[in-house]
N, C-alpha and C. Protein backbone atom coordinates (compact mmCIF):
# COMPACT_ATOMS: atom_id res chain seq x y z
N UNK A 1 82.52 24.49 110.69
CA UNK A 1 82.95 25.44 109.88
C UNK A 1 83.91 26.24 110.31
N UNK A 2 85.25 27.56 109.57
CA UNK A 2 85.71 28.13 109.88
C UNK A 2 85.35 29.19 110.08
N UNK A 3 86.53 29.97 111.16
CA UNK A 3 85.51 31.56 111.43
C UNK A 3 86.64 31.94 110.39
N UNK A 4 86.11 33.51 109.96
CA UNK A 4 86.83 34.32 109.40
C UNK A 4 86.40 35.86 109.73
N UNK A 5 87.78 36.20 109.61
CA UNK A 5 87.34 37.77 110.27
C UNK A 5 88.48 38.82 108.94
N UNK A 6 87.65 39.37 108.95
CA UNK A 6 87.69 40.96 108.06
C UNK A 6 87.79 41.93 108.22
N UNK A 7 88.85 42.77 107.60
CA UNK A 7 89.16 44.08 108.14
C UNK A 7 89.34 45.35 106.99
N UNK A 8 88.63 45.68 106.56
CA UNK A 8 88.38 46.54 105.51
C UNK A 8 89.68 47.67 104.79
N UNK A 9 89.85 48.72 106.64
CA UNK A 9 91.00 49.50 105.90
C UNK A 9 92.26 49.23 105.56
N UNK A 10 93.13 49.62 104.84
CA UNK A 10 94.30 48.72 104.81
C UNK A 10 95.22 49.79 105.69
N UNK A 11 95.42 51.08 105.73
CA UNK A 11 95.90 51.94 105.92
C UNK A 11 94.82 53.16 106.11
N UNK A 12 95.20 54.04 107.21
CA UNK A 12 94.43 55.85 106.90
C UNK A 12 95.68 56.54 108.24
N UNK A 13 95.27 57.96 107.28
CA UNK A 13 96.28 59.04 108.24
C UNK A 13 95.34 59.63 109.34
N UNK A 14 95.49 60.04 110.31
CA UNK A 14 94.36 60.88 111.22
C UNK A 14 95.47 61.84 111.72
N UNK A 15 94.73 62.72 111.97
CA UNK A 15 95.09 64.02 113.15
C UNK A 15 94.95 63.85 114.38
N UNK A 16 95.52 64.46 115.35
CA UNK A 16 95.45 64.15 116.54
C UNK A 16 94.23 64.84 117.20
N UNK A 17 93.84 64.33 117.89
CA UNK A 17 92.12 65.08 118.38
C UNK A 17 91.27 64.14 117.87
N UNK A 18 91.23 63.53 116.91
CA UNK A 18 89.92 63.34 115.83
C UNK A 18 89.73 62.02 116.44
N UNK A 19 88.33 61.78 115.91
CA UNK A 19 88.09 60.23 116.14
C UNK A 19 88.06 59.05 114.87
N UNK A 20 88.40 58.08 115.29
CA UNK A 20 88.81 57.04 114.24
C UNK A 20 88.03 55.88 114.77
N UNK A 21 87.71 55.27 113.36
CA UNK A 21 86.61 54.05 113.54
C UNK A 21 87.47 52.98 112.56
N UNK A 22 87.51 52.01 112.99
CA UNK A 22 88.32 50.62 112.22
C UNK A 22 87.13 49.69 112.12
N UNK A 23 86.63 49.41 110.75
CA UNK A 23 85.97 48.15 110.99
C UNK A 23 86.58 46.53 110.46
N UNK A 24 85.63 46.48 110.79
CA UNK A 24 85.66 44.78 110.95
C UNK A 24 84.19 43.85 111.23
N UNK A 25 84.44 42.97 110.38
CA UNK A 25 83.51 41.95 110.00
C UNK A 25 83.93 40.70 110.11
N UNK A 26 82.97 39.54 110.64
CA UNK A 26 83.45 38.19 111.09
C UNK A 26 82.29 37.09 110.71
N UNK A 27 82.40 35.75 110.18
CA UNK A 27 81.47 34.90 109.86
C UNK A 27 81.86 34.20 110.72
N UNK A 28 80.94 33.36 111.26
CA UNK A 28 81.05 32.46 112.16
C UNK A 28 79.18 31.80 112.54
N UNK A 29 79.41 30.60 112.91
CA UNK A 29 78.01 29.66 113.11
C UNK A 29 78.34 29.34 114.15
N UNK A 30 78.64 29.76 114.93
CA UNK A 30 78.99 29.69 116.60
C UNK A 30 78.01 30.69 117.09
N UNK A 31 77.55 30.33 118.37
CA UNK A 31 77.06 31.53 119.32
C UNK A 31 77.47 31.91 120.81
N UNK A 32 78.55 31.33 121.11
CA UNK A 32 79.49 31.97 122.37
C UNK A 32 80.67 31.80 121.60
N UNK A 33 81.07 33.40 121.46
CA UNK A 33 82.59 33.51 120.90
C UNK A 33 83.02 34.74 121.59
N UNK A 34 83.95 35.11 121.64
CA UNK A 34 84.54 36.58 122.06
C UNK A 34 85.51 37.34 120.32
N UNK A 35 85.43 38.64 120.70
CA UNK A 35 86.07 39.30 120.04
C UNK A 35 86.78 40.13 120.11
N UNK A 36 88.14 40.66 119.75
CA UNK A 36 89.11 41.62 119.92
C UNK A 36 89.34 42.23 119.44
N UNK A 37 90.22 43.74 119.86
CA UNK A 37 90.60 44.07 119.31
C UNK A 37 91.98 44.38 119.74
N UNK A 38 93.16 44.15 119.13
CA UNK A 38 94.84 44.43 119.10
C UNK A 38 95.63 45.83 118.48
N UNK A 39 96.09 46.12 119.35
CA UNK A 39 97.35 47.22 118.47
C UNK A 39 98.55 46.47 118.51
N UNK A 40 99.51 47.27 117.64
CA UNK A 40 100.87 46.75 117.50
C UNK A 40 101.90 47.63 117.09
N UNK A 41 102.39 48.69 118.11
CA UNK A 41 102.75 49.86 117.63
C UNK A 41 104.16 49.42 116.76
N UNK A 42 104.96 49.80 116.04
CA UNK A 42 106.12 49.80 115.41
C UNK A 42 107.46 49.04 116.36
N UNK A 43 107.49 48.03 116.37
CA UNK A 43 108.59 47.38 116.45
C UNK A 43 108.41 46.86 117.73
N UNK A 44 107.35 46.60 118.21
CA UNK A 44 106.50 46.06 119.41
C UNK A 44 105.81 45.19 119.36
N UNK A 45 105.45 44.14 120.69
CA UNK A 45 104.52 43.34 120.50
C UNK A 45 102.89 43.78 120.48
N UNK A 46 102.36 42.33 120.23
CA UNK A 46 100.64 42.99 120.58
C UNK A 46 100.07 42.71 121.46
N UNK A 47 98.97 44.31 121.82
CA UNK A 47 98.87 44.71 122.91
C UNK A 47 96.92 44.98 122.51
N UNK A 48 96.53 43.71 124.28
CA UNK A 48 95.48 43.76 123.77
C UNK A 48 94.45 44.82 124.05
N UNK A 49 93.57 45.54 123.50
CA UNK A 49 92.73 46.90 123.47
C UNK A 49 91.61 46.69 124.29
N UNK A 50 91.00 45.51 123.79
CA UNK A 50 89.06 45.64 124.06
C UNK A 50 88.80 44.20 123.77
N UNK A 51 88.14 43.84 124.33
CA UNK A 51 87.21 42.42 124.60
C UNK A 51 86.07 42.38 124.51
N UNK A 52 85.12 41.79 123.42
CA UNK A 52 83.66 42.08 123.37
C UNK A 52 83.17 40.44 123.69
N UNK A 53 82.25 40.17 124.52
CA UNK A 53 81.79 38.90 124.50
C UNK A 53 80.40 38.69 123.78
N UNK A 54 80.48 37.51 123.06
CA UNK A 54 78.90 37.63 122.16
C UNK A 54 77.66 37.52 122.85
N UNK A 55 77.73 36.97 124.15
CA UNK A 55 76.33 36.96 124.53
C UNK A 55 75.90 38.42 125.63
N UNK A 56 76.81 39.27 125.73
CA UNK A 56 76.29 40.64 126.14
C UNK A 56 75.57 41.63 125.24
N UNK A 57 75.17 42.25 125.71
CA UNK A 57 74.39 43.16 124.93
C UNK A 57 75.32 44.43 124.82
N UNK A 58 75.56 45.14 125.66
CA UNK A 58 76.30 46.09 126.66
C UNK A 58 77.79 46.03 125.24
N UNK A 59 78.19 47.52 124.42
CA UNK A 59 79.19 47.62 124.13
C UNK A 59 80.32 47.79 125.01
N UNK A 60 81.33 47.24 124.72
CA UNK A 60 82.50 47.19 125.37
C UNK A 60 83.11 48.71 125.33
N UNK A 61 83.97 49.11 126.61
CA UNK A 61 84.27 50.23 126.71
C UNK A 61 85.82 50.07 127.40
N UNK A 62 87.09 50.66 127.29
CA UNK A 62 87.93 50.65 127.71
C UNK A 62 88.85 52.24 127.21
N UNK A 63 88.60 52.90 128.13
CA UNK A 63 89.15 54.29 128.37
C UNK A 63 88.77 55.61 127.20
N UNK A 64 89.51 55.39 125.85
CA UNK A 64 88.91 55.94 124.62
C UNK A 64 88.53 55.09 123.62
N UNK A 65 88.62 53.66 124.18
CA UNK A 65 88.67 52.83 122.87
C UNK A 65 87.14 52.09 123.44
N UNK A 66 86.42 51.85 122.24
CA UNK A 66 84.97 51.44 122.79
C UNK A 66 84.65 50.53 121.15
N UNK A 67 83.76 49.86 121.30
CA UNK A 67 83.30 49.07 120.44
C UNK A 67 82.25 49.28 119.79
N UNK A 68 81.49 48.76 118.91
CA UNK A 68 80.17 48.89 118.26
C UNK A 68 79.94 47.71 117.78
N UNK A 69 79.56 46.43 118.42
CA UNK A 69 79.30 45.59 118.21
C UNK A 69 78.14 45.19 117.91
N UNK A 70 77.63 44.51 116.35
CA UNK A 70 76.28 43.95 115.91
C UNK A 70 76.54 42.91 115.62
N UNK A 71 75.84 41.71 116.48
CA UNK A 71 75.82 40.49 116.79
C UNK A 71 75.19 39.99 115.18
N UNK A 72 74.04 40.44 115.02
CA UNK A 72 72.87 40.27 113.94
C UNK A 72 73.82 40.30 112.35
N UNK A 73 74.46 41.58 112.47
CA UNK A 73 75.36 42.29 111.01
C UNK A 73 76.61 41.11 111.40
N UNK A 74 76.72 40.70 112.29
CA UNK A 74 78.52 39.88 112.18
C UNK A 74 79.67 41.36 112.27
N UNK A 75 79.27 42.37 112.34
CA UNK A 75 79.67 43.74 112.64
C UNK A 75 80.81 43.83 113.88
N UNK A 76 81.86 44.52 114.03
CA UNK A 76 82.94 44.73 115.19
C UNK A 76 83.66 45.91 115.20
N UNK A 77 83.10 47.02 115.34
CA UNK A 77 84.17 48.05 114.69
C UNK A 77 84.68 48.58 115.74
N UNK A 78 85.86 49.49 115.93
CA UNK A 78 86.77 49.88 116.96
C UNK A 78 86.35 51.63 117.41
N UNK A 79 86.00 52.26 117.67
CA UNK A 79 85.95 54.09 117.64
C UNK A 79 87.18 54.09 119.23
N UNK A 80 88.41 55.04 118.51
CA UNK A 80 89.25 55.41 119.23
C UNK A 80 89.03 57.25 118.95
N UNK A 81 88.43 57.42 120.62
CA UNK A 81 88.05 58.88 120.79
C UNK A 81 89.56 59.63 120.75
N UNK A 82 89.55 60.59 120.62
CA UNK A 82 90.59 61.52 120.69
C UNK A 82 92.11 61.26 120.76
N UNK A 83 91.89 60.92 119.78
CA UNK A 83 93.33 60.05 119.26
C UNK A 83 94.64 60.83 119.36
N UNK A 84 95.56 59.63 119.62
CA UNK A 84 97.16 60.48 120.14
C UNK A 84 97.96 60.06 119.71
N UNK A 85 98.83 60.31 119.48
CA UNK A 85 100.62 60.04 118.63
C UNK A 85 100.73 58.63 119.04
N UNK A 86 100.61 58.24 120.09
CA UNK A 86 100.66 56.83 121.20
C UNK A 86 99.78 56.03 119.94
N UNK A 87 98.99 56.29 119.72
CA UNK A 87 98.02 54.90 119.01
C UNK A 87 98.27 54.82 117.52
N UNK A 88 99.19 55.42 116.83
CA UNK A 88 100.32 55.18 116.06
C UNK A 88 100.52 53.73 115.81
N UNK A 89 99.86 52.46 115.53
CA UNK A 89 100.42 51.62 114.96
C UNK A 89 99.62 50.51 114.33
N UNK A 90 99.80 49.05 114.37
CA UNK A 90 98.88 48.45 113.15
C UNK A 90 98.12 47.78 114.00
N UNK A 91 96.27 47.76 113.62
CA UNK A 91 95.13 47.72 114.72
C UNK A 91 94.79 45.74 114.02
N UNK A 92 94.42 45.30 115.09
CA UNK A 92 93.77 43.58 114.23
C UNK A 92 92.65 43.26 114.93
N UNK A 93 91.79 42.65 114.46
CA UNK A 93 90.77 41.83 114.61
C UNK A 93 90.75 40.78 114.96
N UNK A 94 90.31 40.06 115.84
CA UNK A 94 90.34 38.55 116.17
C UNK A 94 89.45 38.00 116.45
N UNK A 95 88.75 37.06 116.51
CA UNK A 95 87.83 36.26 117.04
C UNK A 95 88.40 34.78 117.69
N UNK A 96 87.81 34.23 118.71
CA UNK A 96 88.47 33.54 119.37
C UNK A 96 86.43 32.43 120.02
N UNK A 97 86.41 31.49 119.86
CA UNK A 97 85.72 30.56 120.20
C UNK A 97 85.40 30.42 121.47
N UNK A 98 84.36 30.27 122.12
CA UNK A 98 84.10 30.11 123.94
C UNK A 98 84.07 28.61 123.70
N UNK A 99 85.03 27.87 124.46
CA UNK A 99 84.79 26.40 124.59
C UNK A 99 84.34 26.49 126.72
N UNK A 100 83.57 25.58 126.90
CA UNK A 100 82.82 25.35 128.29
C UNK A 100 84.12 24.04 128.80
N UNK A 101 84.49 24.27 129.71
CA UNK A 101 85.04 23.36 130.54
C UNK A 101 84.65 22.62 131.53
């Protein structure tokens, strides 16, 4: 089965210091996988912000970035606390199947 990832927000404007939540849902029949949030500032390469492993119960956190991972609901939202001017970018949610070697 193919995996699908869907982001609901197309564009949003926020003020500095606000908290921002970006939503992502996915569909998969896999049990072992990783979810990622990337950002791509204007005219720059994509930057990995945060990674969540499906088998971990604890939500990933990285500085001002955190996720709300709900495996049963297949939901993976990104929370940006205390937003800053440098956060202006395109944000992408991604899925990767975990393969054992």
